[in-house]
N, C-alpha and C. Protein backbone atom coordinates (compact mmCIF):
# COMPACT_ATOMS: atom_id res chain seq x y z
N MET A 1 128.60 -137.47 -153.71
CA MET A 1 127.57 -138.09 -154.42
C MET A 1 126.24 -137.37 -153.97
N ASN A 2 125.31 -137.02 -155.02
CA ASN A 2 124.15 -136.28 -154.64
C ASN A 2 122.88 -137.02 -155.25
N ILE A 3 122.15 -137.62 -154.31
CA ILE A 3 121.05 -138.36 -154.85
C ILE A 3 119.81 -137.54 -154.88
N GLU A 4 118.98 -137.62 -155.94
CA GLU A 4 117.70 -136.76 -156.06
C GLU A 4 116.80 -137.69 -156.68
N LYS A 5 115.44 -137.57 -156.22
CA LYS A 5 114.30 -138.10 -156.69
C LYS A 5 114.47 -139.64 -156.71
N ALA A 6 114.45 -140.24 -155.45
CA ALA A 6 114.67 -141.70 -155.36
C ALA A 6 113.93 -142.01 -154.01
N VAL A 7 113.48 -143.39 -153.94
CA VAL A 7 113.07 -143.97 -152.79
C VAL A 7 114.26 -144.41 -152.06
N LEU A 8 114.55 -144.00 -150.82
CA LEU A 8 115.80 -144.31 -150.19
C LEU A 8 115.49 -145.48 -149.27
N ALA A 9 114.28 -145.72 -148.67
CA ALA A 9 114.04 -146.87 -147.80
C ALA A 9 112.59 -147.14 -147.65
N VAL A 10 112.25 -148.33 -147.26
CA VAL A 10 110.94 -148.75 -147.04
C VAL A 10 110.95 -149.32 -145.69
N ILE A 11 109.88 -148.88 -144.81
CA ILE A 11 109.82 -149.30 -143.61
C ILE A 11 108.31 -149.98 -143.37
N THR A 12 108.32 -151.17 -142.75
CA THR A 12 106.91 -151.66 -142.77
C THR A 12 106.77 -152.59 -141.45
N THR A 13 105.66 -152.94 -141.17
CA THR A 13 105.29 -154.02 -140.21
C THR A 13 104.66 -155.27 -140.87
N ASN A 14 104.59 -155.08 -142.11
CA ASN A 14 103.96 -156.26 -142.96
C ASN A 14 104.89 -156.48 -144.13
N PRO A 15 105.81 -157.47 -143.97
CA PRO A 15 106.75 -157.77 -145.14
C PRO A 15 106.09 -158.25 -146.38
N SER A 16 104.91 -158.90 -146.16
CA SER A 16 104.30 -159.26 -147.58
C SER A 16 103.93 -158.17 -148.40
N LYS A 17 103.94 -156.94 -147.95
CA LYS A 17 103.47 -155.79 -148.79
C LYS A 17 104.52 -155.10 -149.60
N VAL A 18 105.92 -155.64 -149.46
CA VAL A 18 107.08 -154.94 -150.07
C VAL A 18 107.99 -155.94 -150.71
N ASN A 19 108.67 -155.44 -151.74
CA ASN A 19 109.72 -156.33 -152.46
C ASN A 19 110.72 -155.46 -153.16
N GLY A 20 111.92 -155.78 -152.99
CA GLY A 20 113.11 -155.25 -153.83
C GLY A 20 113.27 -153.83 -153.97
N GLY A 21 114.35 -153.40 -154.65
CA GLY A 21 114.47 -152.04 -154.99
C GLY A 21 115.28 -151.19 -153.99
N ALA A 22 114.59 -150.83 -153.00
CA ALA A 22 115.36 -149.95 -151.83
C ALA A 22 115.59 -150.81 -150.69
N PRO A 23 116.37 -150.43 -149.76
CA PRO A 23 116.35 -151.09 -148.43
C PRO A 23 115.16 -151.23 -147.72
N ILE A 24 114.84 -152.34 -147.10
CA ILE A 24 113.60 -152.65 -146.54
C ILE A 24 113.93 -152.89 -145.04
N PHE A 25 113.25 -152.14 -144.23
CA PHE A 25 113.33 -152.35 -142.77
C PHE A 25 111.91 -152.80 -142.23
N ILE A 26 112.02 -154.09 -141.63
CA ILE A 26 110.89 -154.64 -141.19
C ILE A 26 110.75 -154.54 -139.56
N CYS A 27 109.72 -153.96 -139.11
CA CYS A 27 109.61 -153.61 -137.70
C CYS A 27 108.52 -154.55 -137.05
N GLU A 28 108.54 -154.54 -135.79
CA GLU A 28 107.51 -155.51 -135.08
C GLU A 28 106.45 -154.69 -134.51
N SER A 29 106.43 -153.32 -134.46
CA SER A 29 105.22 -152.52 -134.09
C SER A 29 105.20 -151.28 -134.88
N LYS A 30 104.14 -150.64 -134.63
CA LYS A 30 103.92 -149.22 -135.25
C LYS A 30 104.91 -148.24 -134.55
N GLN A 31 105.10 -148.28 -133.27
CA GLN A 31 106.00 -147.50 -132.52
C GLN A 31 107.52 -147.56 -133.05
N GLU A 32 107.89 -148.82 -133.15
CA GLU A 32 109.31 -149.19 -133.78
C GLU A 32 109.44 -148.64 -135.20
N MET A 33 108.34 -148.82 -135.98
CA MET A 33 108.30 -148.30 -137.31
C MET A 33 108.51 -146.74 -137.45
N GLU A 34 107.73 -146.15 -136.47
CA GLU A 34 107.91 -144.70 -136.34
C GLU A 34 109.23 -144.11 -135.98
N THR A 35 109.87 -144.83 -135.17
CA THR A 35 111.14 -144.53 -134.53
C THR A 35 112.20 -144.75 -135.74
N PHE A 36 112.13 -145.91 -136.45
CA PHE A 36 113.16 -146.01 -137.59
C PHE A 36 112.83 -144.98 -138.63
N ALA A 37 111.52 -144.71 -138.89
CA ALA A 37 111.34 -143.65 -139.88
C ALA A 37 111.88 -142.25 -139.53
N ALA A 38 111.77 -141.84 -138.33
CA ALA A 38 112.26 -140.62 -137.78
C ALA A 38 113.83 -140.61 -137.98
N ASN A 39 114.39 -141.65 -137.45
CA ASN A 39 115.93 -141.69 -137.47
C ASN A 39 116.42 -141.74 -138.97
N LEU A 40 115.82 -142.55 -139.76
CA LEU A 40 116.25 -142.72 -141.16
C LEU A 40 116.09 -141.38 -141.97
N GLU A 41 115.04 -140.72 -141.69
CA GLU A 41 114.60 -139.29 -142.29
C GLU A 41 115.78 -138.48 -142.03
N ALA A 42 116.29 -138.39 -140.71
CA ALA A 42 117.41 -137.49 -140.27
C ALA A 42 118.64 -137.95 -140.98
N ILE A 43 118.99 -139.18 -140.92
CA ILE A 43 120.26 -139.79 -141.36
C ILE A 43 120.45 -139.50 -142.88
N THR A 44 119.27 -139.79 -143.67
CA THR A 44 119.30 -139.65 -145.02
C THR A 44 119.03 -138.37 -145.71
N ASP A 45 118.52 -137.33 -144.76
CA ASP A 45 118.17 -136.12 -145.31
C ASP A 45 116.90 -136.29 -146.41
N GLY A 46 116.12 -137.22 -146.01
CA GLY A 46 114.90 -137.49 -146.90
C GLY A 46 113.64 -137.10 -146.18
N ILE A 47 112.54 -137.45 -146.78
CA ILE A 47 111.24 -137.14 -146.30
C ILE A 47 110.48 -138.49 -146.10
N VAL A 48 109.80 -138.58 -145.02
CA VAL A 48 108.94 -139.78 -144.71
C VAL A 48 107.60 -139.50 -145.24
N HIS A 49 107.02 -140.61 -145.84
CA HIS A 49 105.61 -140.58 -146.44
C HIS A 49 104.96 -141.78 -145.94
N SER A 50 103.72 -141.69 -145.34
CA SER A 50 103.01 -142.77 -144.97
C SER A 50 102.22 -143.25 -146.05
N LEU A 51 102.34 -144.45 -146.51
CA LEU A 51 101.42 -144.94 -147.54
C LEU A 51 100.23 -145.72 -146.98
N SER A 52 100.37 -146.23 -145.73
CA SER A 52 99.30 -146.81 -145.05
C SER A 52 99.74 -146.97 -143.63
N GLU A 53 98.92 -147.52 -142.74
CA GLU A 53 99.15 -147.70 -141.39
C GLU A 53 100.37 -148.60 -141.13
N GLU A 54 100.75 -149.47 -142.09
CA GLU A 54 101.83 -150.33 -141.87
C GLU A 54 102.91 -150.18 -142.87
N LEU A 55 103.00 -149.09 -143.56
CA LEU A 55 103.97 -148.97 -144.61
C LEU A 55 104.42 -147.37 -144.88
N TYR A 56 105.75 -147.16 -144.55
CA TYR A 56 106.16 -145.79 -144.77
C TYR A 56 107.36 -146.02 -145.75
N ILE A 57 107.60 -144.81 -146.52
CA ILE A 57 108.80 -144.79 -147.44
C ILE A 57 109.46 -143.49 -147.13
N ILE A 58 110.72 -143.49 -147.32
CA ILE A 58 111.57 -142.28 -147.17
C ILE A 58 112.07 -142.01 -148.63
N VAL A 59 111.79 -140.76 -149.07
CA VAL A 59 112.16 -140.36 -150.43
C VAL A 59 112.90 -139.04 -150.41
N LYS A 60 113.78 -139.00 -151.46
CA LYS A 60 114.44 -137.76 -151.71
C LYS A 60 113.89 -137.09 -152.90
N HIS A 61 113.41 -135.81 -152.63
CA HIS A 61 112.72 -135.10 -153.69
C HIS A 61 113.64 -134.29 -154.49
């Protein structure tokens, strides 16, 4: 299976900012969010994009 052009995951410290669609990972701190993002980026072979201080997405281009 080869996935292209999709949001693979959402990582946040503020769950009120996100809803449905992709897997959502809720973290307790910015440091935890950065660790999750780095690990998921490597696991999914995606790219992390910061949408705000409390919201990252991992996408496949």
